[in-house]
Amino acid sequence: MAPKYGRGLGNEIIDAINKGKLKEPISAQDVKNHMNSNGWYPPENYLNVFLANSSSPDHSKNFKKIFKRVDEGKYVLKRIR
């Protein structure tokens, strides 16, 4: 089982964006820097895959789509309307 980062990687990213600790659009490097500053060290490949899978409509239907890809390696939080 993958280690849990805080309340979970997705939850921590959403919280950081909402609190202004991460500025959109975010990249895997932005997330890595933020996570590292909290003492969490997820593998960079895991961050890349997490962001890509969290924005891909073609990835598993069970995977939460919380980001929208706006450019190569850049993502924004999907806002519920």
Protein backbone atom coordinates (compact mmCIF):
# COMPACT_ATOMS: atom_id res chain seq x y z
CA MET A 1 0.00 0.00 0.00
CA ALA A 2 1.29 3.46 -0.86
CA PRO A 3 2.13 5.70 2.09
CA LYS A 4 -0.42 8.37 2.97
CA TYR A 5 0.74 11.96 2.87
CA GLY A 6 -1.09 13.94 5.54
CA ARG A 7 -4.81 13.52 4.84
CA GLY A 8 -3.99 12.08 1.42
CA LEU A 9 -2.15 13.60 -1.52
CA GLY A 10 -5.25 14.95 -3.26
CA ASN A 11 -6.68 16.45 -0.09
CA GLU A 12 -3.37 18.10 0.78
CA ILE A 13 -3.04 19.62 -2.70
CA ILE A 14 -6.62 20.93 -2.66
CA ASP A 15 -6.10 22.42 0.80
CA ALA A 16 -2.82 24.07 -0.25
CA ILE A 17 -4.47 25.63 -3.32
CA ASN A 18 -7.47 26.84 -1.31
CA LYS A 19 -5.18 28.39 1.34
CA GLY A 20 -2.94 30.03 -1.29
CA LYS A 21 0.09 27.90 -0.46
CA LEU A 22 0.13 26.56 -4.03
CA LYS A 23 -0.58 28.91 -6.94
CA GLU A 24 -2.38 27.62 -10.02
CA PRO A 25 -1.54 26.28 -12.44
CA ILE A 26 0.46 23.73 -10.47
CA SER A 27 3.12 21.32 -11.67
CA ALA A 28 4.53 18.15 -10.16
CA GLN A 29 7.56 20.19 -9.04
CA ASP A 30 5.31 22.69 -7.24
CA VAL A 31 3.54 19.86 -5.44
CA LYS A 32 6.86 18.16 -4.63
CA ASN A 33 8.23 21.37 -3.09
CA HIS A 34 5.08 21.86 -1.03
CA MET A 35 5.00 18.25 0.15
CA ASN A 36 8.70 18.28 1.03
CA SER A 37 8.20 21.45 3.10
CA ASN A 38 5.70 19.43 5.17
CA GLY A 39 8.12 16.55 5.66
CA TRP A 40 6.49 14.31 3.04
CA TYR A 41 8.62 12.87 0.24
CA PRO A 42 6.47 11.24 -2.44
CA PRO A 43 8.40 9.95 -5.46
CA GLU A 44 8.38 12.44 -8.35
CA ASN A 45 6.99 9.79 -10.71
CA TYR A 46 4.08 9.26 -8.32
CA LEU A 47 3.31 13.00 -8.42
CA ASN A 48 3.42 13.09 -12.23
CA VAL A 49 1.12 10.09 -12.53
CA PHE A 50 -1.23 11.35 -9.80
CA LEU A 51 -1.74 14.72 -11.49
CA ALA A 52 -2.13 13.18 -14.95
CA ASN A 53 -4.56 10.49 -13.76
CA SER A 54 -6.53 13.04 -11.72
CA SER A 55 -7.19 15.02 -14.88
CA SER A 56 -7.65 12.30 -17.49
CA PRO A 57 -11.21 11.43 -18.50
CA ASP A 58 -9.87 8.19 -19.97
CA HIS A 59 -8.27 6.92 -16.77
CA SER A 60 -10.13 4.63 -14.36
CA LYS A 61 -13.70 5.72 -13.67
CA ASN A 62 -13.01 5.10 -9.96
CA PHE A 63 -10.21 7.71 -9.90
CA LYS A 64 -11.37 11.17 -8.77
CA LYS A 65 -10.97 13.79 -11.49
CA ILE A 66 -10.02 16.78 -9.35
CA PHE A 67 -7.72 18.59 -11.79
CA LYS A 68 -7.94 20.00 -15.27
CA ARG A 69 -4.85 19.99 -17.46
CA VAL A 70 -4.26 23.46 -18.91
CA ASP A 71 -0.83 22.92 -20.49
CA GLU A 72 1.93 20.33 -20.62
CA GLY A 73 2.52 19.39 -16.98
CA LYS A 74 0.31 22.21 -15.66
CA TYR A 75 -2.97 21.69 -13.81
CA VAL A 76 -5.72 23.68 -12.14
CA LEU A 77 -8.24 22.52 -9.61
CA LYS A 78 -11.61 21.63 -11.12
CA ARG A 79 -14.23 23.88 -9.60
CA ILE A 80 -17.67 22.42 -9.02
CA ARG A 81 -20.32 24.71 -10.45
